[in-house]
Amino acid sequence: MDKQVYYLEDNDVNYQVAEAMFELIGVTKLTRFSTLEELDTFTGSAASNSADLLVLDIMLPDGNSVSLLPKLKSHFSCPIVAFTAKSAPAEIEALLDAGFVDVFTKPVDFDFFERKVRHLL
Protein backbone atom coordinates (compact mmCIF):
# COMPACT_ATOMS: atom_id res chain seq x y z
CA MET A 1 0.00 0.00 0.00
CA ASP A 2 1.69 3.15 -1.20
CA LYS A 3 0.26 5.53 1.39
CA GLN A 4 1.99 8.12 3.59
CA VAL A 5 1.02 8.19 7.27
CA TYR A 6 2.30 10.83 9.70
CA TYR A 7 2.20 9.66 13.31
CA LEU A 8 2.66 11.93 16.33
CA GLU A 9 3.74 9.75 19.28
CA ASP A 10 6.17 10.52 22.08
CA ASN A 11 6.33 7.01 23.59
CA ASP A 12 8.85 4.69 21.89
CA VAL A 13 7.02 1.47 22.77
CA ASN A 14 3.67 2.79 21.54
CA TYR A 15 5.33 3.88 18.32
CA GLN A 16 6.96 0.48 17.79
CA VAL A 17 3.64 -1.31 18.31
CA ALA A 18 1.85 1.00 15.88
CA GLU A 19 4.70 0.74 13.37
CA ALA A 20 4.41 -3.07 13.43
CA MET A 21 0.64 -2.86 12.96
CA PHE A 22 0.99 -0.46 10.04
CA GLU A 23 3.57 -2.75 8.44
CA LEU A 24 1.28 -5.78 8.84
CA ILE A 25 -1.41 -4.04 6.83
CA GLY A 26 1.06 -2.88 4.18
CA VAL A 27 1.74 0.75 5.12
CA THR A 28 5.46 1.27 4.60
CA LYS A 29 5.61 5.07 4.55
CA LEU A 30 5.28 5.93 8.24
CA THR A 31 6.84 9.18 9.44
CA ARG A 32 7.13 9.76 13.17
CA PHE A 33 6.99 13.03 15.03
CA SER A 34 7.70 13.01 18.78
CA THR A 35 6.53 16.48 19.82
CA LEU A 36 3.87 19.01 18.88
CA GLU A 37 6.63 21.47 18.04
CA GLU A 38 8.27 19.03 15.63
CA LEU A 39 4.99 18.37 13.78
CA ASP A 40 4.06 22.06 13.82
CA THR A 41 7.40 23.02 12.26
CA PHE A 42 7.09 20.29 9.63
CA THR A 43 3.54 21.36 8.77
CA GLY A 44 4.93 24.60 7.35
CA SER A 45 7.25 22.83 4.92
CA ALA A 46 6.41 22.10 1.30
CA ALA A 47 6.96 18.37 1.80
CA SER A 48 4.28 18.10 4.45
CA ASN A 49 1.25 18.18 2.16
CA SER A 50 1.63 14.60 0.95
CA ALA A 51 0.00 12.73 3.85
CA ASP A 52 -2.80 10.22 3.33
CA LEU A 53 -3.52 9.93 7.07
CA LEU A 54 -2.47 11.73 10.26
CA VAL A 55 -2.54 9.82 13.54
CA LEU A 56 -2.08 11.91 16.67
CA ASP A 57 -1.36 10.89 20.23
CA ILE A 58 -3.23 13.34 22.43
CA MET A 59 -1.18 13.77 25.60
CA LEU A 60 2.38 14.82 24.82
CA PRO A 61 5.19 16.30 26.93
CA ASP A 62 4.82 19.66 25.18
CA GLY A 63 1.04 19.84 25.25
CA ASN A 64 -2.19 18.43 23.91
CA SER A 65 -2.42 17.71 20.18
CA VAL A 66 -5.99 19.02 20.07
CA SER A 67 -4.42 22.50 20.18
CA LEU A 68 -2.69 21.86 16.84
CA LEU A 69 -5.76 20.36 15.14
CA PRO A 70 -7.11 23.58 13.54
CA LYS A 71 -3.76 24.29 11.86
CA LEU A 72 -3.42 20.69 10.69
CA LYS A 73 -6.96 20.67 9.28
CA SER A 74 -6.26 23.85 7.32
CA HIS A 75 -3.05 22.39 5.89
CA PHE A 76 -3.96 18.74 5.26
CA SER A 77 -6.93 17.34 3.35
CA CYS A 78 -6.46 13.80 4.70
CA PRO A 79 -8.29 12.25 7.67
CA ILE A 80 -6.88 13.05 11.12
CA VAL A 81 -7.33 10.40 13.82
CA ALA A 82 -6.76 10.59 17.58
CA PHE A 83 -4.81 7.67 19.09
CA THR A 84 -5.12 7.93 22.84
CA ALA A 85 -5.28 6.20 26.19
CA LYS A 86 -8.36 8.32 26.97
CA SER A 87 -11.24 5.89 26.68
CA ALA A 88 -14.17 7.34 28.60
CA PRO A 89 -17.15 7.98 26.31
CA ALA A 90 -17.16 11.70 27.17
CA GLU A 91 -13.46 11.99 26.31
CA ILE A 92 -13.95 10.23 22.98
CA GLU A 93 -16.95 12.43 22.19
CA ALA A 94 -14.90 15.56 23.00
CA LEU A 95 -12.18 14.47 20.57
CA LEU A 96 -14.72 13.84 17.82
CA ASP A 97 -16.34 17.22 18.56
CA ALA A 98 -12.88 18.83 18.29
CA GLY A 99 -12.66 17.60 14.70
CA PHE A 100 -10.97 14.21 14.66
CA VAL A 101 -12.60 11.83 12.15
CA ASP A 102 -12.12 8.88 14.48
CA VAL A 103 -10.58 7.91 17.81
CA PHE A 104 -8.44 4.82 18.38
CA THR A 105 -7.99 3.95 22.05
CA LYS A 106 -4.87 2.33 23.49
CA PRO A 107 -4.36 -0.50 23.73
CA VAL A 108 -5.95 -1.05 20.34
CA ASP A 109 -7.27 -4.32 18.98
CA PHE A 110 -5.40 -5.17 15.76
CA ASP A 111 -8.51 -6.22 13.81
CA PHE A 112 -10.22 -2.95 14.74
CA PHE A 113 -7.08 -0.99 13.82
CA GLU A 114 -6.71 -2.73 10.47
CA ARG A 115 -10.36 -2.28 9.53
CA LYS A 116 -10.37 1.41 10.45
CA VAL A 117 -7.03 2.25 8.78
CA ARG A 118 -7.96 0.45 5.57
CA HIS A 119 -11.26 2.35 5.51
CA LEU A 120 -9.53 5.70 6.05
CA LEU A 121 -6.86 5.07 3.43
C-alpha atoms as a PDB file:
ATOM      1  CA  MET A   1       0.000   0.000   0.000  1.00  0.00           C
ATOM      2  CA  ASP A   2       1.695   3.153  -1.197  1.00  0.00           C
ATOM      3  CA  LYS A   3       0.262   5.532   1.391  1.00  0.00           C
ATOM      4  CA  GLN A   4       1.986   8.116   3.592  1.00  0.00           C
ATOM      5  CA  VAL A   5       1.024   8.193   7.271  1.00  0.00           C
ATOM      6  CA  TYR A   6       2.298  10.829   9.704  1.00  0.00           C
ATOM      7  CA  TYR A   7       2.200   9.662  13.311  1.00  0.00           C
ATOM      8  CA  LEU A   8       2.655  11.925  16.327  1.00  0.00           C
ATOM      9  CA  GLU A   9       3.737   9.753  19.276  1.00  0.00           C
ATOM     10  CA  ASP A  10       6.173  10.520  22.082  1.00  0.00           C
ATOM     11  CA  ASN A  11       6.334   7.013  23.586  1.00  0.00           C
ATOM     12  CA  ASP A  12       8.849   4.693  21.888  1.00  0.00           C
ATOM     13  CA  VAL A  13       7.021   1.467  22.767  1.00  0.00           C
ATOM     14  CA  ASN A  14       3.670   2.793  21.543  1.00  0.00           C
ATOM     15  CA  TYR A  15       5.333   3.884  18.319  1.00  0.00           C
ATOM     16  CA  GLN A  16       6.964   0.481  17.795  1.00  0.00           C
ATOM     17  CA  VAL A  17       3.643  -1.313  18.314  1.00  0.00           C
ATOM     18  CA  ALA A  18       1.850   0.999  15.882  1.00  0.00           C
ATOM     19  CA  GLU A  19       4.702   0.743  13.372  1.00  0.00           C
ATOM     20  CA  ALA A  20       4.412  -3.066  13.433  1.00  0.00           C
ATOM     21  CA  MET A  21       0.638  -2.863  12.955  1.00  0.00           C
ATOM     22  CA  PHE A  22       0.986  -0.459  10.038  1.00  0.00           C
ATOM     23  CA  GLU A  23       3.572  -2.754   8.443  1.00  0.00           C
ATOM     24  CA  LEU A  24       1.284  -5.780   8.843  1.00  0.00           C
ATOM     25  CA  ILE A  25      -1.406  -4.039   6.825  1.00  0.00           C
ATOM     26  CA  GLY A  26       1.061  -2.876   4.180  1.00  0.00           C
ATOM     27  CA  VAL A  27       1.735   0.749   5.121  1.00  0.00           C
ATOM     28  CA  THR A  28       5.460   1.272   4.596  1.00  0.00           C
ATOM     29  CA  LYS A  29       5.615   5.073   4.552  1.00  0.00           C
ATOM     30  CA  LEU A  30       5.279   5.935   8.235  1.00  0.00           C
ATOM     31  CA  THR A  31       6.845   9.179   9.437  1.00  0.00           C
ATOM     32  CA  ARG A  32       7.125   9.764  13.170  1.00  0.00           C
ATOM     33  CA  PHE A  33       6.989  13.033  15.035  1.00  0.00           C
ATOM     34  CA  SER A  34       7.702  13.010  18.780  1.00  0.00           C
ATOM     35  CA  THR A  35       6.528  16.480  19.820  1.00  0.00           C
ATOM     36  CA  LEU A  36       3.867  19.009  18.878  1.00  0.00           C
ATOM     37  CA  GLU A  37       6.633  21.472  18.035  1.00  0.00           C
ATOM     38  CA  GLU A  38       8.267  19.030  15.632  1.00  0.00           C
ATOM     39  CA  LEU A  39       4.992  18.369  13.780  1.00  0.00           C
ATOM     40  CA  ASP A  40       4.058  22.060  13.821  1.00  0.00           C
ATOM     41  CA  THR A  41       7.401  23.021  12.256  1.00  0.00           C
ATOM     42  CA  PHE A  42       7.090  20.292   9.630  1.00  0.00           C
ATOM     43  CA  THR A  43       3.541  21.362   8.770  1.00  0.00           C
ATOM     44  CA  GLY A  44       4.925  24.601   7.354  1.00  0.00           C
ATOM     45  CA  SER A  45       7.252  22.826   4.925  1.00  0.00           C
ATOM     46  CA  ALA A  46       6.407  22.097   1.305  1.00  0.00           C
ATOM     47  CA  ALA A  47       6.962  18.367   1.803  1.00  0.00           C
ATOM     48  CA  SER A  48       4.277  18.105   4.446  1.00  0.00           C
ATOM     49  CA  ASN A  49       1.248  18.179   2.159  1.00  0.00           C
ATOM     50  CA  SER A  50       1.630  14.600   0.952  1.00  0.00           C
ATOM     51  CA  ALA A  51       0.004  12.734   3.847  1.00  0.00           C
ATOM     52  CA  ASP A  52      -2.804  10.221   3.332  1.00  0.00           C
ATOM     53  CA  LEU A  53      -3.519   9.928   7.066  1.00  0.00           C
ATOM     54  CA  LEU A  54      -2.468  11.726  10.258  1.00  0.00           C
ATOM     55  CA  VAL A  55      -2.544   9.818  13.543  1.00  0.00           C
ATOM     56  CA  LEU A  56      -2.075  11.912  16.674  1.00  0.00           C
ATOM     57  CA  ASP A  57      -1.364  10.888  20.228  1.00  0.00           C
ATOM     58  CA  ILE A  58      -3.233  13.341  22.434  1.00  0.00           C
ATOM     59  CA  MET A  59      -1.182  13.766  25.605  1.00  0.00           C
ATOM     60  CA  LEU A  60       2.379  14.822  24.823  1.00  0.00           C
ATOM     61  CA  PRO A  61       5.188  16.299  26.933  1.00  0.00           C
ATOM     62  CA  ASP A  62       4.824  19.661  25.181  1.00  0.00           C
ATOM     63  CA  GLY A  63       1.042  19.844  25.252  1.00  0.00           C
ATOM     64  CA  ASN A  64      -2.195  18.431  23.909  1.00  0.00           C
ATOM     65  CA  SER A  65      -2.415  17.709  20.176  1.00  0.00           C
ATOM     66  CA  VAL A  66      -5.989  19.019  20.074  1.00  0.00           C
ATOM     67  CA  SER A  67      -4.416  22.499  20.177  1.00  0.00           C
ATOM     68  CA  LEU A  68      -2.694  21.860  16.839  1.00  0.00           C
ATOM     69  CA  LEU A  69      -5.759  20.360  15.140  1.00  0.00           C
ATOM     70  CA  PRO A  70      -7.108  23.583  13.535  1.00  0.00           C
ATOM     71  CA  LYS A  71      -3.761  24.292  11.858  1.00  0.00           C
ATOM     72  CA  LEU A  72      -3.423  20.686  10.694  1.00  0.00           C
ATOM     73  CA  LYS A  73      -6.962  20.669   9.285  1.00  0.00           C
ATOM     74  CA  SER A  74      -6.257  23.850   7.323  1.00  0.00           C
ATOM     75  CA  HIS A  75      -3.048  22.389   5.885  1.00  0.00           C
ATOM     76  CA  PHE A  76      -3.963  18.739   5.257  1.00  0.00           C
ATOM     77  CA  SER A  77      -6.930  17.341   3.347  1.00  0.00           C
ATOM     78  CA  CYS A  78      -6.457  13.805   4.702  1.00  0.00           C
ATOM     79  CA  PRO A  79      -8.295  12.246   7.672  1.00  0.00           C
ATOM     80  CA  ILE A  80      -6.880  13.045  11.124  1.00  0.00           C
ATOM     81  CA  VAL A  81      -7.325  10.402  13.821  1.00  0.00           C
ATOM     82  CA  ALA A  82      -6.757  10.585  17.580  1.00  0.00           C
ATOM     83  CA  PHE A  83      -4.812   7.666  19.086  1.00  0.00           C
ATOM     84  CA  THR A  84      -5.122   7.930  22.841  1.00  0.00           C
ATOM     85  CA  ALA A  85      -5.279   6.203  26.192  1.00  0.00           C
ATOM     86  CA  LYS A  86      -8.362   8.316  26.971  1.00  0.00           C
ATOM     87  CA  SER A  87     -11.243   5.886  26.679  1.00  0.00           C
ATOM     88  CA  ALA A  88     -14.171   7.345  28.601  1.00  0.00           C
ATOM     89  CA  PRO A  89     -17.151   7.978  26.313  1.00  0.00           C
ATOM     90  CA  ALA A  90     -17.165  11.695  27.172  1.00  0.00           C
ATOM     91  CA  GLU A  91     -13.459  11.987  26.306  1.00  0.00           C
ATOM     92  CA  ILE A  92     -13.948  10.231  22.976  1.00  0.00           C
ATOM     93  CA  GLU A  93     -16.951  12.434  22.186  1.00  0.00           C
ATOM     94  CA  ALA A  94     -14.903  15.561  23.002  1.00  0.00           C
ATOM     95  CA  LEU A  95     -12.177  14.467  20.570  1.00  0.00           C
ATOM     96  CA  LEU A  96     -14.722  13.837  17.824  1.00  0.00           C
ATOM     97  CA  ASP A  97     -16.337  17.215  18.559  1.00  0.00           C
ATOM     98  CA  ALA A  98     -12.881  18.834  18.290  1.00  0.00           C
ATOM     99  CA  GLY A  99     -12.664  17.598  14.701  1.00  0.00           C
ATOM    100  CA  PHE A 100     -10.970  14.206  14.660  1.00  0.00           C
ATOM    101  CA  VAL A 101     -12.603  11.834  12.154  1.00  0.00           C
ATOM    102  CA  ASP A 102     -12.120   8.877  14.481  1.00  0.00           C
ATOM    103  CA  VAL A 103     -10.585   7.912  17.815  1.00  0.00           C
ATOM    104  CA  PHE A 104      -8.443   4.816  18.385  1.00  0.00           C
ATOM    105  CA  THR A 105      -7.987   3.953  22.053  1.00  0.00           C
ATOM    106  CA  LYS A 106      -4.868   2.331  23.488  1.00  0.00           C
ATOM    107  CA  PRO A 107      -4.361  -0.501  23.730  1.00  0.00           C
ATOM    108  CA  VAL A 108      -5.949  -1.045  20.340  1.00  0.00           C
ATOM    109  CA  ASP A 109      -7.273  -4.317  18.980  1.00  0.00           C
ATOM    110  CA  PHE A 110      -5.404  -5.172  15.755  1.00  0.00           C
ATOM    111  CA  ASP A 111      -8.509  -6.222  13.807  1.00  0.00           C
ATOM    112  CA  PHE A 112     -10.225  -2.949  14.739  1.00  0.00           C
ATOM    113  CA  PHE A 113      -7.081  -0.985  13.823  1.00  0.00           C
ATOM    114  CA  GLU A 114      -6.707  -2.731  10.469  1.00  0.00           C
ATOM    115  CA  ARG A 115     -10.362  -2.284   9.526  1.00  0.00           C
ATOM    116  CA  LYS A 116     -10.368   1.413  10.452  1.00  0.00           C
ATOM    117  CA  VAL A 117      -7.032   2.253   8.779  1.00  0.00           C
ATOM    118  CA  ARG A 118      -7.961   0.453   5.568  1.00  0.00           C
ATOM    119  CA  HIS A 119     -11.256   2.347   5.507  1.00  0.00           C
ATOM    120  CA  LEU A 120      -9.526   5.695   6.050  1.00  0.00           C
ATOM    121  CA  LEU A 121      -6.859   5.074   3.428  1.00  0.00           C
END
